[in-house]
Protein backbone atom coordinates (compact mmCIF):
# COMPACT_ATOMS: atom_id res chain seq x y z
CA MET A 1 0.00 0.00 0.00
CA ARG A 2 2.82 2.35 0.90
CA LYS A 3 4.59 1.53 -2.35
CA ALA A 4 1.43 2.41 -4.28
CA ILE A 5 1.23 5.75 -2.53
CA ILE A 6 4.86 6.46 -3.33
CA ILE A 7 4.33 5.52 -6.99
CA ILE A 8 1.23 7.71 -7.28
CA THR A 9 3.07 10.59 -5.61
CA ALA A 10 5.97 10.18 -7.98
CA ILE A 11 3.63 10.15 -10.96
CA GLY A 12 1.97 13.33 -9.65
CA VAL A 13 5.31 15.00 -9.21
CA GLY A 14 6.29 13.88 -12.67
CA PHE A 15 3.16 15.32 -14.26
CA GLY A 16 3.59 18.53 -12.25
CA GLY A 17 7.14 18.86 -13.42
CA LEU A 18 6.05 18.20 -17.01
CA ALA A 19 3.36 20.90 -16.77
CA GLN A 20 5.85 23.38 -15.35
CA ALA A 21 8.27 22.51 -18.12
CA ARG A 22 5.59 23.06 -20.71
CA GLN A 23 4.68 26.41 -19.17
CA ALA A 24 8.33 27.42 -19.13
CA SER A 25 8.67 26.30 -22.73
CA THR A 26 5.58 28.28 -23.74
CA ALA A 27 6.80 31.35 -21.88
CA SER A 28 10.20 31.13 -23.50
CA SER A 29 8.62 30.76 -26.95
CA VAL A 30 6.91 34.15 -26.67
CA GLN A 31 8.83 36.99 -28.29
CA TYR A 32 8.36 40.68 -28.82
CA ARG A 33 8.71 42.08 -32.31
CA TRP A 34 8.91 45.75 -33.24
CA ARG A 35 10.21 47.91 -36.06
CA ASP A 36 12.60 50.82 -35.73
CA ALA A 37 12.46 54.17 -37.53
CA GLN A 38 14.01 52.56 -40.64
CA GLY A 39 11.37 49.84 -40.69
CA LEU A 40 13.73 47.06 -39.65
CA ALA A 41 12.21 44.29 -37.55
CA HIS A 42 13.69 43.42 -34.17
CA TYR A 43 12.96 40.48 -31.87
CA SER A 44 13.56 40.06 -28.18
CA ASP A 45 12.59 37.69 -25.38
CA SER A 46 12.08 40.66 -23.07
CA LEU A 47 10.17 43.88 -23.54
CA SER A 48 12.63 46.70 -24.18
CA SER A 49 12.19 50.46 -24.06
CA ASP A 50 12.61 50.60 -27.84
CA ALA A 51 9.76 48.16 -28.32
CA ILE A 52 7.51 50.19 -26.04
CA ALA A 53 8.47 53.44 -27.80
CA ASN A 54 7.77 52.04 -31.29
CA GLY A 55 4.86 49.73 -30.56
CA TYR A 56 5.25 45.99 -30.71
CA ASP A 57 3.71 42.61 -31.51
CA VAL A 58 3.63 39.63 -29.18
CA VAL A 59 4.44 36.60 -31.37
CA ASN A 60 4.54 32.89 -30.63
CA SER A 61 7.12 30.32 -31.69
CA GLN A 62 5.44 29.98 -35.09
CA GLY A 63 5.78 33.72 -35.71
CA LEU A 64 2.04 34.35 -35.43
CA VAL A 65 0.96 37.62 -33.86
CA MET A 66 -0.88 36.97 -30.62
CA ARG A 67 -1.38 40.60 -29.66
CA HIS A 68 -0.43 44.05 -30.93
CA VAL A 69 0.34 47.02 -28.73
CA ASP A 70 0.49 50.50 -30.28
CA ARG A 71 3.17 52.95 -29.34
CA PRO A 72 2.28 55.63 -26.80
CA LEU A 73 0.75 58.74 -28.35
CA SER A 74 2.28 62.16 -27.94
CA PRO A 75 0.18 64.88 -26.24
CA ALA A 76 -0.63 66.42 -29.64
CA GLU A 77 -1.58 63.01 -31.04
CA ARG A 78 -3.82 62.32 -28.05
CA VAL A 79 -5.61 65.63 -28.63
CA ALA A 80 -6.04 64.83 -32.34
CA ALA A 81 -7.24 61.29 -31.56
CA LYS A 82 -9.76 62.60 -29.04
CA LYS A 83 -11.03 65.12 -31.60
CA LEU A 84 -11.51 62.38 -34.19
CA ALA A 85 -13.22 60.16 -31.64
CA ASP A 86 -15.56 62.99 -30.59
CA GLU A 87 -16.42 63.74 -34.23
CA ALA A 88 -17.11 60.06 -34.91
CA ALA A 89 -19.32 59.86 -31.80
CA ALA A 90 -21.20 63.00 -32.90
CA ARG A 91 -21.79 61.54 -36.37
CA LYS A 92 -23.02 58.32 -34.80
CA ARG A 93 -25.47 60.23 -32.59
CA GLU A 94 -26.71 62.20 -35.62
CA ASP A 95 -27.20 58.99 -37.61
CA GLU A 96 -29.08 57.37 -34.74
CA GLN A 97 -31.25 60.48 -34.30
CA ARG A 98 -31.98 60.55 -38.04
CA GLN A 99 -32.95 56.87 -37.97
CA ARG A 100 -35.30 57.47 -35.03
CA GLU A 101 -36.91 60.40 -36.84
CA ASP A 102 -37.33 58.31 -39.99
CA GLN A 103 -38.99 55.53 -38.00
CA GLN A 104 -41.31 58.00 -36.29
CA MET A 105 -42.24 59.57 -39.63
CA LEU A 106 -43.03 56.21 -41.21
CA ALA A 107 -45.06 55.19 -38.18
CA ALA A 108 -47.03 58.46 -38.16
CA TYR A 109 -47.69 58.46 -41.92
CA PRO A 110 -48.20 54.92 -43.28
CA ASP A 111 -48.91 56.19 -46.80
CA GLU A 112 -47.94 59.13 -48.98
CA ALA A 113 -51.43 60.64 -48.96
CA SER A 114 -51.38 61.12 -45.19
CA PHE A 115 -47.88 62.56 -45.36
CA VAL A 116 -48.81 65.09 -48.06
CA ALA A 117 -51.98 66.04 -46.15
CA ALA A 118 -49.90 66.84 -43.06
CA GLN A 119 -47.59 69.00 -45.15
CA LYS A 120 -50.56 70.89 -46.60
CA ASP A 121 -51.94 71.46 -43.09
CA GLU A 122 -48.61 72.96 -42.04
CA LEU A 123 -48.60 75.34 -45.00
CA SER A 124 -52.24 76.22 -44.40
CA SER A 125 -51.47 77.14 -40.80
CA ILE A 126 -48.68 79.48 -41.89
CA ASP A 127 -50.92 80.97 -44.57
CA GLN A 128 -53.62 81.72 -41.98
CA GLN A 129 -51.03 83.47 -39.81
CA ILE A 130 -49.97 85.53 -42.82
CA THR A 131 -53.56 86.54 -43.48
CA THR A 132 -54.14 87.49 -39.84
CA THR A 133 -50.88 89.44 -39.63
CA ARG A 134 -51.56 91.26 -42.89
CA ALA A 135 -54.99 92.32 -41.61
CA SER A 136 -53.51 93.46 -38.31
CA LEU A 137 -50.82 95.38 -40.16
CA GLY A 138 -53.50 97.19 -42.18
CA THR A 139 -55.28 98.19 -38.97
CA GLN A 140 -52.07 99.43 -37.36
CA GLU A 141 -51.06 101.34 -40.50
CA LYS A 142 -54.45 103.05 -40.56
CA ALA A 143 -54.05 104.01 -36.90
CA LEU A 144 -50.64 105.50 -37.68
CA THR A 145 -52.09 107.40 -40.64
CA ASP A 146 -54.82 108.87 -38.41
CA LEU A 147 -52.24 110.03 -35.87
CA LEU A 148 -50.10 111.58 -38.59
CA ASP A 149 -53.15 113.37 -40.02
CA ARG A 150 -53.92 114.88 -36.62
CA ALA A 151 -50.35 116.06 -36.26
CA GLY A 152 -50.50 117.48 -39.80
CA GLU A 153 -53.65 119.41 -39.06
CA LEU A 154 -52.05 121.00 -36.01
CA GLU A 155 -48.97 121.96 -37.99
CA ARG A 156 -51.07 123.49 -40.76
CA ALA A 157 -52.96 125.47 -38.11
CA LYS A 158 -49.58 126.74 -36.84
CA GLN A 159 -50.15 124.92 -33.55
CA PRO A 160 -47.53 122.84 -31.80
CA VAL A 161 -47.86 119.07 -31.81
CA PRO A 162 -48.37 117.94 -28.19
CA LYS A 163 -45.74 115.64 -26.74
CA PHE A 164 -48.27 112.90 -26.01
CA LEU A 165 -49.22 112.87 -29.71
CA SER A 166 -45.59 112.74 -30.82
CA ASP A 167 -44.95 109.88 -28.38
CA LYS A 168 -48.04 108.07 -29.61
CA ILE A 169 -46.91 108.43 -33.22
CA ALA A 170 -43.47 107.05 -32.34
CA ALA A 171 -44.97 104.11 -30.48
CA GLN A 172 -47.37 103.39 -33.33
CA ARG A 173 -44.50 103.42 -35.82
CA ASP A 174 -42.79 100.76 -33.68
CA VAL A 175 -45.97 98.67 -33.73
CA VAL A 176 -46.24 98.96 -37.50
CA GLY A 177 -42.56 98.09 -37.91
CA ALA A 178 -42.94 95.00 -35.73
CA GLN A 179 -46.00 93.88 -37.69
CA ARG A 180 -44.20 94.33 -41.00
CA ALA A 181 -41.20 92.33 -39.70
CA MET A 182 -43.51 89.55 -38.54
CA LEU A 183 -45.21 89.45 -41.91
CA ASP A 184 -41.84 89.21 -43.65
CA ARG A 185 -40.81 86.33 -41.36
CA LEU A 186 -44.06 84.45 -41.98
CA GLN A 187 -43.78 84.86 -45.73
CA ALA A 188 -40.19 83.63 -45.64
CA SER A 189 -41.29 80.73 -43.44
CA TYR A 190 -43.95 79.79 -45.98
CA VAL A 191 -41.39 79.64 -48.80
CA ASN A 192 -38.86 77.72 -46.67
CA THR A 193 -41.56 75.26 -45.59
CA GLN A 194 -42.46 74.62 -49.21
CA LEU A 195 -38.82 73.80 -49.98
CA LYS A 196 -38.52 71.67 -46.85
CA ASN A 197 -41.69 69.77 -47.74
CA GLU A 198 -40.36 68.97 -51.20
CA SER A 199 -37.15 67.59 -49.71
CA GLN A 200 -38.98 65.62 -47.01
CA LEU A 201 -41.41 64.15 -49.52
CA ALA A 202 -38.51 62.93 -51.66
CA HIS A 203 -36.91 61.41 -48.55
CA TYR A 204 -40.21 59.81 -47.52
CA ARG A 205 -40.59 58.23 -50.94
CA GLN A 206 -37.03 56.91 -50.75
CA LEU A 207 -37.68 55.32 -47.34
CA LYS A 208 -40.90 53.71 -48.55
CA ALA A 209 -39.12 52.33 -51.61
CA GLN A 210 -36.40 50.85 -49.39
CA LEU A 211 -39.03 49.20 -47.20
CA GLN A 212 -40.82 47.73 -50.18
CA GLN A 213 -37.57 46.36 -51.57
CA ALA A 214 -36.71 44.86 -48.18
CA ASP A 215 -40.15 43.20 -48.12
CA GLY A 216 -39.59 41.81 -51.60
CA ASN A 217 -42.30 43.98 -53.15
CA PRO A 218 -40.51 46.49 -55.39
CA GLU A 219 -42.57 49.30 -56.80
CA PRO A 220 -43.74 48.76 -60.38
């Protein structure tokens, strides 16, 4: 029994030694490869400062690359890399946002007729605001004309124009100017919305065509 235990122990020790030998052999077979400024390849069993400075590959005994480690970046390179990474992240966010908007648009308007109807409603709303603003501008312009007529009558009668009337005329001119500016903005908005609608409709049609192709039902 004791001999059996000794034999088993010896076998265990033998296997342990074999495993350690294999590990040592594997460790010794790993090399570091890097290239210098002239592009010449160098190999070493230990990681040198030159390898770290130039970037290196960890290769096995067959010369296969197990891992690559880039050289450290300079401060300027780190700044440039961060800028590129930030720009790429921003583009990704924009693409994801655009995809979400496209999905929402397709969900809200299952067919082109409903999409075009919504566009017409938007233009109609702006047109109503233009009509209301134009009418208000006419009223304000008439009020300004009345005030100017009163001031003109006083001047023709060689009478001074009271300060309250002058102030009222100035205030009314500001009101008229604001109304005219609003009307200009609404009219520009109407034109810009028309252009936007044309672009969005083309994009909508493109998305619908892509969906139909994906479903295997291309448009005739």
